[in-house]
Amino acid sequence: GYEMMGVDSSEDMLSVARGIDEEDDSSILYINQDMRELELL
């Protein structure tokens, strides 16, 4: 039940995550960022 966001520095890993979520019709936001320089709204 948590409102989730995923952050990773690997665009390839995020591509896999987004592909799975598209199949599951998920609304999770995945963004490509470095944990040392997070920029969130």
PDB file of all heavy atoms in Angstrom:
ATOM      1  N   GLY A   1       0.773  -1.234   0.000  1.00  0.00           N
ATOM      2  CA  GLY A   1       0.000   0.000   0.000  1.00  0.00           C
ATOM      3  C   GLY A   1       0.801   1.278   0.000  1.00  0.00           C
ATOM      4  O   GLY A   1       0.228   2.371   0.036  1.00  0.00           O
ATOM      5  N   TYR A   2       2.127   1.184  -0.075  1.00  0.00           N
ATOM      6  CA  TYR A   2       2.956   2.395  -0.078  1.00  0.00           C
ATOM      7  C   TYR A   2       2.971   3.024  -1.477  1.00  0.00           C
ATOM      8  O   TYR A   2       2.882   2.321  -2.491  1.00  0.00           O
ATOM      9  CB  TYR A   2       4.390   2.070   0.343  1.00  0.00           C
ATOM     10  CG  TYR A   2       4.507   1.536   1.745  1.00  0.00           C
ATOM     11  CD1 TYR A   2       4.761   0.188   1.978  1.00  0.00           C
ATOM     12  CD2 TYR A   2       4.358   2.379   2.838  1.00  0.00           C
ATOM     13  CE1 TYR A   2       4.868  -0.311   3.266  1.00  0.00           C
ATOM     14  CE2 TYR A   2       4.455   1.888   4.137  1.00  0.00           C
ATOM     15  CZ  TYR A   2       4.698   0.544   4.344  1.00  0.00           C
ATOM     16  OH  TYR A   2       4.785   0.062   5.623  1.00  0.00           O
ATOM     17  N   GLU A   3       3.090   4.336  -1.534  1.00  0.00           N
ATOM     18  CA  GLU A   3       3.259   5.056  -2.788  1.00  0.00           C
ATOM     19  C   GLU A   3       4.740   4.993  -3.139  1.00  0.00           C
ATOM     20  O   GLU A   3       5.557   5.711  -2.568  1.00  0.00           O
ATOM     21  CB  GLU A   3       2.802   6.506  -2.635  1.00  0.00           C
ATOM     22  CG  GLU A   3       1.336   6.648  -2.250  1.00  0.00           C
ATOM     23  CD  GLU A   3       0.981   8.070  -1.861  1.00  0.00           C
ATOM     24  OE1 GLU A   3       1.857   8.962  -1.999  1.00  0.00           O
ATOM     25  OE2 GLU A   3      -0.158   8.300  -1.415  1.00  0.00           O
ATOM     26  N   MET A   4       5.085   4.124  -4.072  1.00  0.00           N
ATOM     27  CA  MET A   4       6.480   3.820  -4.321  1.00  0.00           C
ATOM     28  C   MET A   4       7.085   4.590  -5.495  1.00  0.00           C
ATOM     29  O   MET A   4       6.418   4.882  -6.488  1.00  0.00           O
ATOM     30  CB  MET A   4       6.652   2.318  -4.581  1.00  0.00           C
ATOM     31  CG  MET A   4       6.296   1.421  -3.407  1.00  0.00           C
ATOM     32  SD  MET A   4       7.308   1.739  -1.931  1.00  0.00           S
ATOM     33  CE  MET A   4       8.975   1.460  -2.572  1.00  0.00           C
ATOM     34  N   MET A   5       8.379   4.868  -5.338  1.00  0.00           N
ATOM     35  CA  MET A   5       9.201   5.433  -6.400  1.00  0.00           C
ATOM     36  C   MET A   5      10.508   4.655  -6.401  1.00  0.00           C
ATOM     37  O   MET A   5      11.041   4.332  -5.337  1.00  0.00           O
ATOM     38  CB  MET A   5       9.472   6.920  -6.158  1.00  0.00           C
ATOM     39  CG  MET A   5      10.366   7.569  -7.211  1.00  0.00           C
ATOM     40  SD  MET A   5      10.861   9.250  -6.747  1.00  0.00           S
ATOM     41  CE  MET A   5       9.259  10.036  -6.558  1.00  0.00           C
ATOM     42  N   GLY A   6      11.012   4.330  -7.577  1.00  0.00           N
ATOM     43  CA  GLY A   6      12.274   3.608  -7.679  1.00  0.00           C
ATOM     44  C   GLY A   6      13.343   4.468  -8.318  1.00  0.00           C
ATOM     45  O   GLY A   6      13.098   5.115  -9.339  1.00  0.00           O
ATOM     46  N   VAL A   7      14.526   4.485  -7.715  1.00  0.00           N
ATOM     47  CA  VAL A   7      15.650   5.257  -8.248  1.00  0.00           C
ATOM     48  C   VAL A   7      16.842   4.323  -8.438  1.00  0.00           C
ATOM     49  O   VAL A   7      17.166   3.527  -7.550  1.00  0.00           O
ATOM     50  CB  VAL A   7      16.049   6.402  -7.297  1.00  0.00           C
ATOM     51  CG1 VAL A   7      17.346   7.063  -7.752  1.00  0.00           C
ATOM     52  CG2 VAL A   7      14.941   7.436  -7.209  1.00  0.00           C
ATOM     53  N   ASP A   8      17.474   4.418  -9.597  1.00  0.00           N
ATOM     54  CA  ASP A   8      18.667   3.617  -9.850  1.00  0.00           C
ATOM     55  C   ASP A   8      19.564   4.353 -10.835  1.00  0.00           C
ATOM     56  O   ASP A   8      19.073   5.139 -11.669  1.00  0.00           O
ATOM     57  CB  ASP A   8      18.288   2.241 -10.408  1.00  0.00           C
ATOM     58  CG  ASP A   8      19.369   1.198 -10.159  1.00  0.00           C
ATOM     59  OD1 ASP A   8      20.366   1.197 -10.902  1.00  0.00           O
ATOM     60  OD2 ASP A   8      19.222   0.398  -9.218  1.00  0.00           O
ATOM     61  N   SER A   9      20.859   4.090 -10.763  1.00  0.00           N
ATOM     62  CA  SER A   9      21.805   4.744 -11.665  1.00  0.00           C
ATOM     63  C   SER A   9      21.984   3.960 -12.960  1.00  0.00           C
ATOM     64  O   SER A   9      22.618   4.447 -13.894  1.00  0.00           O
ATOM     65  CB  SER A   9      23.169   4.909 -10.980  1.00  0.00           C
ATOM     66  OG  SER A   9      23.702   3.641 -10.621  1.00  0.00           O
ATOM     67  N   SER A  10      21.430   2.728 -13.021  1.00  0.00           N
ATOM     68  CA  SER A  10      21.530   1.906 -14.224  1.00  0.00           C
ATOM     69  C   SER A  10      20.257   2.020 -15.050  1.00  0.00           C
ATOM     70  O   SER A  10      19.192   1.561 -14.642  1.00  0.00           O
ATOM     71  CB  SER A  10      21.777   0.437 -13.854  1.00  0.00           C
ATOM     72  OG  SER A  10      21.600  -0.400 -14.978  1.00  0.00           O
ATOM     73  N   GLU A  11      20.363   2.601 -16.222  1.00  0.00           N
ATOM     74  CA  GLU A  11      19.202   2.734 -17.099  1.00  0.00           C
ATOM     75  C   GLU A  11      18.727   1.367 -17.596  1.00  0.00           C
ATOM     76  O   GLU A  11      17.537   1.162 -17.836  1.00  0.00           O
ATOM     77  CB  GLU A  11      19.535   3.640 -18.286  1.00  0.00           C
ATOM     78  CG  GLU A  11      18.346   3.985 -19.156  1.00  0.00           C
ATOM     79  CD  GLU A  11      17.202   4.637 -18.393  1.00  0.00           C
ATOM     80  OE1 GLU A  11      17.443   5.649 -17.708  1.00  0.00           O
ATOM     81  OE2 GLU A  11      16.069   4.121 -18.481  1.00  0.00           O
ATOM     82  N   ASP A  12      19.661   0.422 -17.710  1.00  0.00           N
ATOM     83  CA  ASP A  12      19.282  -0.919 -18.152  1.00  0.00           C
ATOM     84  C   ASP A  12      18.414  -1.610 -17.104  1.00  0.00           C
ATOM     85  O   ASP A  12      17.427  -2.282 -17.443  1.00  0.00           O
ATOM     86  CB  ASP A  12      20.530  -1.753 -18.434  1.00  0.00           C
ATOM     87  CG  ASP A  12      21.266  -1.295 -19.671  1.00  0.00           C
ATOM     88  OD1 ASP A  12      20.814  -1.626 -20.780  1.00  0.00           O
ATOM     89  OD2 ASP A  12      22.273  -0.574 -19.533  1.00  0.00           O
ATOM     90  N   MET A  13      18.776  -1.481 -15.836  1.00  0.00           N
ATOM     91  CA  MET A  13      17.963  -2.070 -14.771  1.00  0.00           C
ATOM     92  C   MET A  13      16.573  -1.435 -14.757  1.00  0.00           C
ATOM     93  O   MET A  13      15.555  -2.125 -14.610  1.00  0.00           O
ATOM     94  CB  MET A  13      18.648  -1.873 -13.420  1.00  0.00           C
ATOM     95  CG  MET A  13      19.950  -2.625 -13.253  1.00  0.00           C
ATOM     96  SD  MET A  13      19.720  -4.411 -13.071  1.00  0.00           S
ATOM     97  CE  MET A  13      19.816  -4.576 -11.291  1.00  0.00           C
ATOM     98  N   LEU A  14      16.525  -0.129 -14.927  1.00  0.00           N
ATOM     99  CA  LEU A  14      15.241   0.561 -14.941  1.00  0.00           C
ATOM    100  C   LEU A  14      14.396   0.167 -16.149  1.00  0.00           C
ATOM    101  O   LEU A  14      13.172   0.111 -16.071  1.00  0.00           O
ATOM    102  CB  LEU A  14      15.456   2.076 -14.928  1.00  0.00           C
ATOM    103  CG  LEU A  14      16.074   2.645 -13.649  1.00  0.00           C
ATOM    104  CD1 LEU A  14      16.336   4.143 -13.805  1.00  0.00           C
ATOM    105  CD2 LEU A  14      15.176   2.402 -12.452  1.00  0.00           C
ATOM    106  N   SER A  15      15.052  -0.117 -17.260  1.00  0.00           N
ATOM    107  CA  SER A  15      14.329  -0.555 -18.453  1.00  0.00           C
ATOM    108  C   SER A  15      13.603  -1.871 -18.183  1.00  0.00           C
ATOM    109  O   SER A  15      12.449  -2.051 -18.590  1.00  0.00           O
ATOM    110  CB  SER A  15      15.307  -0.725 -19.622  1.00  0.00           C
ATOM    111  OG  SER A  15      14.643  -1.213 -20.772  1.00  0.00           O
ATOM    112  N   VAL A  16      14.284  -2.777 -17.462  1.00  0.00           N
ATOM    113  CA  VAL A  16      13.652  -4.038 -17.091  1.00  0.00           C
ATOM    114  C   VAL A  16      12.476  -3.780 -16.151  1.00  0.00           C
ATOM    115  O   VAL A  16      11.390  -4.340 -16.310  1.00  0.00           O
ATOM    116  CB  VAL A  16      14.667  -4.984 -16.419  1.00  0.00           C
ATOM    117  CG1 VAL A  16      13.975  -6.248 -15.920  1.00  0.00           C
ATOM    118  CG2 VAL A  16      15.785  -5.345 -17.393  1.00  0.00           C
ATOM    119  N   ALA A  17      12.690  -2.908 -15.158  1.00  0.00           N
ATOM    120  CA  ALA A  17      11.636  -2.592 -14.184  1.00  0.00           C
ATOM    121  C   ALA A  17      10.410  -2.009 -14.872  1.00  0.00           C
ATOM    122  O   ALA A  17       9.275  -2.407 -14.588  1.00  0.00           O
ATOM    123  CB  ALA A  17      12.171  -1.618 -13.136  1.00  0.00           C
ATOM    124  N   ARG A  18      10.636  -1.077 -15.773  1.00  0.00           N
ATOM    125  CA  ARG A  18       9.511  -0.439 -16.469  1.00  0.00           C
ATOM    126  C   ARG A  18       8.771  -1.443 -17.348  1.00  0.00           C
ATOM    127  O   ARG A  18       7.536  -1.400 -17.461  1.00  0.00           O
ATOM    128  CB  ARG A  18      10.013   0.733 -17.305  1.00  0.00           C
ATOM    129  CG  ARG A  18      10.557   1.898 -16.476  1.00  0.00           C
ATOM    130  CD  ARG A  18      11.034   3.027 -17.356  1.00  0.00           C
ATOM    131  NE  ARG A  18      11.643   4.118 -16.592  1.00  0.00           N
ATOM    132  CZ  ARG A  18      12.888   4.540 -16.758  1.00  0.00           C
ATOM    133  NH1 ARG A  18      13.665   3.988 -17.675  1.00  0.00           N
ATOM    134  NH2 ARG A  18      13.370   5.524 -16.016  1.00  0.00           N
ATOM    135  N   GLY A  19       9.526  -2.349 -17.970  1.00  0.00           N
ATOM    136  CA  GLY A  19       8.899  -3.357 -18.808  1.00  0.00           C
ATOM    137  C   GLY A  19       7.984  -4.268 -18.012  1.00  0.00           C
ATOM    138  O   GLY A  19       6.873  -4.596 -18.449  1.00  0.00           O
ATOM    139  N   ILE A  20       8.421  -4.681 -16.830  1.00  0.00           N
ATOM    140  CA  ILE A  20       7.595  -5.531 -15.968  1.00  0.00           C
ATOM    141  C   ILE A  20       6.360  -4.767 -15.515  1.00  0.00           C
ATOM    142  O   ILE A  20       5.243  -5.309 -15.504  1.00  0.00           O
ATOM    143  CB  ILE A  20       8.407  -6.007 -14.746  1.00  0.00           C
ATOM    144  CG1 ILE A  20       9.551  -6.915 -15.188  1.00  0.00           C
ATOM    145  CG2 ILE A  20       7.504  -6.740 -13.750  1.00  0.00           C
ATOM    146  CD1 ILE A  20      10.511  -7.281 -14.076  1.00  0.00           C
ATOM    147  N   ASP A  21       6.553  -3.501 -15.155  1.00  0.00           N
ATOM    148  CA  ASP A  21       5.425  -2.711 -14.655  1.00  0.00           C
ATOM    149  C   ASP A  21       4.401  -2.421 -15.744  1.00  0.00           C
ATOM    150  O   ASP A  21       3.208  -2.299 -15.465  1.00  0.00           O
ATOM    151  CB  ASP A  21       5.931  -1.404 -14.034  1.00  0.00           C
ATOM    152  CG  ASP A  21       6.433  -1.621 -12.616  1.00  0.00           C
ATOM    153  OD1 ASP A  21       6.755  -2.775 -12.290  1.00  0.00           O
ATOM    154  OD2 ASP A  21       6.496  -0.653 -11.839  1.00  0.00           O
ATOM    155  N   GLU A  22       4.843  -2.308 -16.983  1.00  0.00           N
ATOM    156  CA  GLU A  22       3.897  -2.106 -18.086  1.00  0.00           C
ATOM    157  C   GLU A  22       2.992  -3.325 -18.225  1.00  0.00           C
ATOM    158  O   GLU A  22       1.786  -3.196 -18.470  1.00  0.00           O
ATOM    159  CB  GLU A  22       4.663  -1.859 -19.383  1.00  0.00           C
ATOM    160  CG  GLU A  22       5.248  -0.457 -19.490  1.00  0.00           C
ATOM    161  CD  GLU A  22       6.014  -0.251 -20.777  1.00  0.00           C
ATOM    162  OE1 GLU A  22       5.964  -1.165 -21.642  1.00  0.00           O
ATOM    163  OE2 GLU A  22       6.655   0.805 -20.934  1.00  0.00           O
ATOM    164  N   GLU A  23       3.573  -4.509 -18.055  1.00  0.00           N
ATOM    165  CA  GLU A  23       2.781  -5.737 -18.143  1.00  0.00           C
ATOM    166  C   GLU A  23       1.793  -5.830 -16.979  1.00  0.00           C
ATOM    167  O   GLU A  23       0.690  -6.350 -17.126  1.00  0.00           O
ATOM    168  CB  GLU A  23       3.702  -6.956 -18.136  1.00  0.00           C
ATOM    169  CG  GLU A  23       4.598  -7.054 -19.373  1.00  0.00           C
ATOM    170  CD  GLU A  23       5.500  -8.268 -19.327  1.00  0.00           C
ATOM    171  OE1 GLU A  23       5.411  -9.043 -18.348  1.00  0.00           O
ATOM    172  OE2 GLU A  23       6.297  -8.453 -20.268  1.00  0.00           O
ATOM    173  N   ASP A  24       2.222  -5.322 -15.800  1.00  0.00           N
ATOM    174  CA  ASP A  24       1.369  -5.389 -14.609  1.00  0.00           C
ATOM    175  C   ASP A  24       0.445  -4.180 -14.470  1.00  0.00           C
ATOM    176  O   ASP A  24      -0.297  -4.080 -13.489  1.00  0.00           O
ATOM    177  CB  ASP A  24       2.245  -5.496 -13.351  1.00  0.00           C
ATOM    178  CG  ASP A  24       3.035  -6.788 -13.308  1.00  0.00           C
ATOM    179  OD1 ASP A  24       2.658  -7.724 -14.039  1.00  0.00           O
ATOM    180  OD2 ASP A  24       4.018  -6.865 -12.553  1.00  0.00           O
ATOM    181  N   ASP A  25       0.540  -3.243 -15.428  1.00  0.00           N
ATOM    182  CA  ASP A  25      -0.255  -2.018 -15.383  1.00  0.00           C
ATOM    183  C   ASP A  25      -0.013  -1.268 -14.070  1.00  0.00           C
ATOM    184  O   ASP A  25      -0.940  -0.812 -13.400  1.00  0.00           O
ATOM    185  CB  ASP A  25      -1.745  -2.329 -15.550  1.00  0.00           C
ATOM    186  CG  ASP A  25      -2.559  -1.076 -15.855  1.00  0.00           C
ATOM    187  OD1 ASP A  25      -1.994  -0.127 -16.414  1.00  0.00           O
ATOM    188  OD2 ASP A  25      -3.748  -1.045 -15.506  1.00  0.00           O
ATOM    189  N   SER A  26       1.259  -1.144 -13.693  1.00  0.00           N
ATOM    190  CA  SER A  26       1.637  -0.485 -12.439  1.00  0.00           C
ATOM    191  C   SER A  26       1.852   1.014 -12.655  1.00  0.00           C
ATOM    192  O   SER A  26       2.156   1.460 -13.761  1.00  0.00           O
ATOM    193  CB  SER A  26       2.916  -1.112 -11.890  1.00  0.00           C
ATOM    194  OG  SER A  26       3.426  -0.381 -10.802  1.00  0.00           O
ATOM    195  N   SER A  27       1.713   1.767 -11.582  1.00  0.00           N
ATOM    196  CA  SER A  27       1.891   3.226 -11.656  1.00  0.00           C
ATOM    197  C   SER A  27       3.158   3.682 -10.948  1.00  0.00           C
ATOM    198  O   SER A  27       3.321   4.864 -10.646  1.00  0.00           O
ATOM    199  CB  SER A  27       0.677   3.929 -11.029  1.00  0.00           C
ATOM    200  OG  SER A  27       0.538   3.559  -9.657  1.00  0.00           O
ATOM    201  N   ILE A  28       4.078   2.764 -10.679  1.00  0.00           N
ATOM    202  CA  ILE A  28       5.326   3.126 -10.001  1.00  0.00           C
ATOM    203  C   ILE A  28       6.179   4.001 -10.915  1.00  0.00           C
ATOM    204  O   ILE A  28       6.333   3.721 -12.106  1.00  0.00           O
ATOM    205  CB  ILE A  28       6.116   1.865  -9.598  1.00  0.00           C
ATOM    206  CG1 ILE A  28       5.321   1.029  -8.593  1.00  0.00           C
ATOM    207  CG2 ILE A  28       7.468   2.249  -9.001  1.00  0.00           C
ATOM    208  CD1 ILE A  28       5.944  -0.309  -8.272  1.00  0.00           C
ATOM    209  N   LEU A  29       6.733   5.059 -10.354  1.00  0.00           N
ATOM    210  CA  LEU A  29       7.616   5.950 -11.097  1.00  0.00           C
ATOM    211  C   LEU A  29       9.062   5.502 -10.900  1.00  0.00           C
ATOM    212  O   LEU A  29       9.527   5.361  -9.770  1.00  0.00           O
ATOM    213  CB  LEU A  29       7.445   7.394 -10.615  1.00  0.00           C
ATOM    214  CG  LEU A  29       8.413   8.419 -11.201  1.00  0.00           C
ATOM    215  CD1 LEU A  29       8.192   8.557 -12.709  1.00  0.00           C
ATOM    216  CD2 LEU A  29       8.261   9.765 -10.497  1.00  0.00           C
ATOM    217  N   TYR A  30       9.762   5.265 -11.999  1.00  0.00           N
ATOM    218  CA  TYR A  30      11.179   4.897 -11.948  1.00  0.00           C
ATOM    219  C   TYR A  30      11.994   6.015 -12.579  1.00  0.00           C
ATOM    220  O   TYR A  30      11.699   6.451 -13.704  1.00  0.00           O
ATOM    221  CB  TYR A  30      11.433   3.594 -12.700  1.00  0.00           C
ATOM    222  CG  TYR A  30      10.821   2.374 -12.038  1.00  0.00           C
ATOM    223  CD1 TYR A  30       9.631   1.838 -12.529  1.00  0.00           C
ATOM    224  CD2 TYR A  30      11.417   1.772 -10.942  1.00  0.00           C
ATOM    225  CE1 TYR A  30       9.065   0.717 -11.931  1.00  0.00           C
ATOM    226  CE2 TYR A  30      10.860   0.664 -10.341  1.00  0.00           C
ATOM    227  CZ  TYR A  30       9.677   0.144 -10.838  1.00  0.00           C
ATOM    228  OH  TYR A  30       9.118  -0.958 -10.235  1.00  0.00           O
ATOM    229  N   ILE A  31      13.021   6.470 -11.868  1.00  0.00           N
ATOM    230  CA  ILE A  31      13.852   7.547 -12.394  1.00  0.00           C
ATOM    231  C   ILE A  31      15.330   7.193 -12.297  1.00  0.00           C
ATOM    232  O   ILE A  31      15.767   6.507 -11.374  1.00  0.00           O
ATOM    233  CB  ILE A  31      13.583   8.889 -11.666  1.00  0.00           C
ATOM    234  CG1 ILE A  31      13.766   8.742 -10.153  1.00  0.00           C
ATOM    235  CG2 ILE A  31      12.200   9.401 -11.983  1.00  0.00           C
ATOM    236  CD1 ILE A  31      13.578  10.054  -9.410  1.00  0.00           C
ATOM    237  N   ASN A  32      16.069   7.656 -13.292  1.00  0.00           N
ATOM    238  CA  ASN A  32      17.500   7.390 -13.402  1.00  0.00           C
ATOM    239  C   ASN A  32      18.285   8.517 -12.726  1.00  0.00           C
ATOM    240  O   ASN A  32      18.444   9.596 -13.286  1.00  0.00           O
ATOM    241  CB  ASN A  32      17.869   7.264 -14.885  1.00  0.00           C
ATOM    242  CG  ASN A  32      19.331   6.943 -15.124  1.00  0.00           C
ATOM    243  OD1 ASN A  32      19.927   7.399 -16.077  1.00  0.00           O
ATOM    244  ND2 ASN A  32      19.917   6.144 -14.251  1.00  0.00           N
ATOM    245  N   GLN A  33      18.736   8.258 -11.508  1.00  0.00           N
ATOM    246  CA  GLN A  33      19.516   9.253 -10.772  1.00  0.00           C
ATOM    247  C   GLN A  33      20.601   8.562  -9.946  1.00  0.00           C
ATOM    248  O   GLN A  33      20.504   7.382  -9.619  1.00  0.00           O
ATOM    249  CB  GLN A  33      18.619  10.087  -9.844  1.00  0.00           C
ATOM    250  CG  GLN A  33      17.714  11.061 -10.564  1.00  0.00           C
ATOM    251  CD  GLN A  33      17.010  12.025  -9.624  1.00  0.00           C
ATOM    252  OE1 GLN A  33      17.290  12.092  -8.432  1.00  0.00           O
ATOM    253  NE2 GLN A  33      16.060  12.776 -10.160  1.00  0.00           N
ATOM    254  N   ASP A  34      21.593   9.350  -9.597  1.00  0.00           N
ATOM    255  CA  ASP A  34      22.682   8.916  -8.731  1.00  0.00           C
ATOM    256  C   ASP A  34      22.270   9.177  -7.285  1.00  0.00           C
ATOM    257  O   ASP A  34      21.781  10.268  -6.967  1.00  0.00           O
ATOM    258  CB  ASP A  34      23.941   9.722  -9.077  1.00  0.00           C
ATOM    259  CG  ASP A  34      25.196   9.202  -8.396  1.00  0.00           C
ATOM    260  OD1 ASP A  34      25.154   8.941  -7.173  1.00  0.00           O
ATOM    261  OD2 ASP A  34      26.219   9.069  -9.085  1.00  0.00           O
ATOM    262  N   MET A  35      22.449   8.193  -6.407  1.00  0.00           N
ATOM    263  CA  MET A  35      22.046   8.377  -5.010  1.00  0.00           C
ATOM    264  C   MET A  35      22.815   9.491  -4.313  1.00  0.00           C
ATOM    265  O   MET A  35      22.385  10.002  -3.287  1.00  0.00           O
ATOM    266  CB  MET A  35      22.210   7.065  -4.226  1.00  0.00           C
ATOM    267  CG  MET A  35      23.624   6.603  -4.008  1.00  0.00           C
ATOM    268  SD  MET A  35      23.719   5.142  -2.920  1.00  0.00           S
ATOM    269  CE  MET A  35      23.004   3.872  -3.967  1.00  0.00           C
ATOM    270  N   ARG A  36      23.927   9.905  -4.885  1.00  0.00           N
ATOM    271  CA  ARG A  36      24.704  10.999  -4.296  1.00  0.00           C
ATOM    272  C   ARG A  36      24.151  12.367  -4.678  1.00  0.00           C
ATOM    273  O   ARG A  36      24.542  13.379  -4.085  1.00  0.00           O
ATOM    274  CB  ARG A  36      26.163  10.902  -4.750  1.00  0.00           C
ATOM    275  CG  ARG A  36      26.889   9.663  -4.274  1.00  0.00           C
ATOM    276  CD  ARG A  36      28.194   9.455  -5.008  1.00  0.00           C
ATOM    277  NE  ARG A  36      27.968   9.215  -6.438  1.00  0.00           N
ATOM    278  CZ  ARG A  36      28.946   8.968  -7.318  1.00  0.00           C
ATOM    279  NH1 ARG A  36      30.202   8.931  -6.903  1.00  0.00           N
ATOM    280  NH2 ARG A  36      28.670   8.763  -8.585  1.00  0.00           N
ATOM    281  N   GLU A  37      23.238  12.386  -5.664  1.00  0.00           N
ATOM    282  CA  GLU A  37      22.716  13.667  -6.161  1.00  0.00           C
ATOM    283  C   GLU A  37      21.233  13.544  -6.482  1.00  0.00           C
ATOM    284  O   GLU A  37      20.806  13.777  -7.612  1.00  0.00           O
ATOM    285  CB  GLU A  37      23.497  14.100  -7.409  1.00  0.00           C
ATOM    286  CG  GLU A  37      24.993  14.292  -7.179  1.00  0.00           C
ATOM    287  CD  GLU A  37      25.734  14.604  -8.465  1.00  0.00           C
ATOM    288  OE1 GLU A  37      25.174  14.334  -9.551  1.00  0.00           O
ATOM    289  OE2 GLU A  37      26.865  15.113  -8.396  1.00  0.00           O
ATOM    290  N   LEU A  38      20.444  13.211  -5.489  1.00  0.00           N
ATOM    291  CA  LEU A  38      19.011  13.057  -5.712  1.00  0.00           C
ATOM    292  C   LEU A  38      18.347  14.419  -5.959  1.00  0.00           C
ATOM    293  O   LEU A  38      18.626  15.392  -5.259  1.00  0.00           O
ATOM    294  CB  LEU A  38      18.357  12.385  -4.495  1.00  0.00           C
ATOM    295  CG  LEU A  38      18.750  10.933  -4.229  1.00  0.00           C
ATOM    296  CD1 LEU A  38      18.112  10.456  -2.925  1.00  0.00           C
ATOM    297  CD2 LEU A  38      18.343  10.035  -5.385  1.00  0.00           C
ATOM    298  N   GLU A  39      17.472  14.447  -6.957  1.00  0.00           N
ATOM    299  CA  GLU A  39      16.704  15.648  -7.265  1.00  0.00           C
ATOM    300  C   GLU A  39      15.249  15.230  -7.422  1.00  0.00           C
ATOM    301  O   GLU A  39      14.837  14.757  -8.492  1.00  0.00           O
ATOM    302  CB  GLU A  39      17.223  16.323  -8.542  1.00  0.00           C
ATOM    303  CG  GLU A  39      18.647  16.842  -8.414  1.00  0.00           C
ATOM    304  CD  GLU A  39      19.128  17.536  -9.676  1.00  0.00           C
ATOM    305  OE1 GLU A  39      18.297  17.673 -10.612  1.00  0.00           O
ATOM    306  OE2 GLU A  39      20.299  17.940  -9.744  1.00  0.00           O
ATOM    307  N   LEU A  40      14.467  15.415  -6.361  1.00  0.00           N
ATOM    308  CA  LEU A  40      13.074  14.974  -6.355  1.00  0.00           C
ATOM    309  C   LEU A  40      12.132  16.167  -6.265  1.00  0.00           C
ATOM    310  O   LEU A  40      12.460  17.189  -5.659  1.00  0.00           O
ATOM    311  CB  LEU A  40      12.829  14.038  -5.166  1.00  0.00           C
ATOM    312  CG  LEU A  40      13.792  12.854  -5.015  1.00  0.00           C
ATOM    313  CD1 LEU A  40      13.464  12.073  -3.746  1.00  0.00           C
ATOM    314  CD2 LEU A  40      13.732  11.942  -6.235  1.00  0.00           C
ATOM    315  N   LEU A  41      10.959  16.006  -6.852  1.00  0.00           N
ATOM    316  CA  LEU A  41       9.970  17.072  -6.780  1.00  0.00           C
ATOM    317  C   LEU A  41       9.354  17.162  -5.380  1.00  0.00           C
ATOM    318  O   LEU A  41       9.032  18.257  -4.906  1.00  0.00           O
ATOM    319  CB  LEU A  41       8.868  16.837  -7.823  1.00  0.00           C
ATOM    320  CG  LEU A  41       9.294  16.943  -9.288  1.00  0.00           C
ATOM    321  CD1 LEU A  41       8.109  16.605 -10.197  1.00  0.00           C
ATOM    322  CD2 LEU A  41       9.817  18.344  -9.585  1.00  0.00           C
TER     323      LEU A  41
END
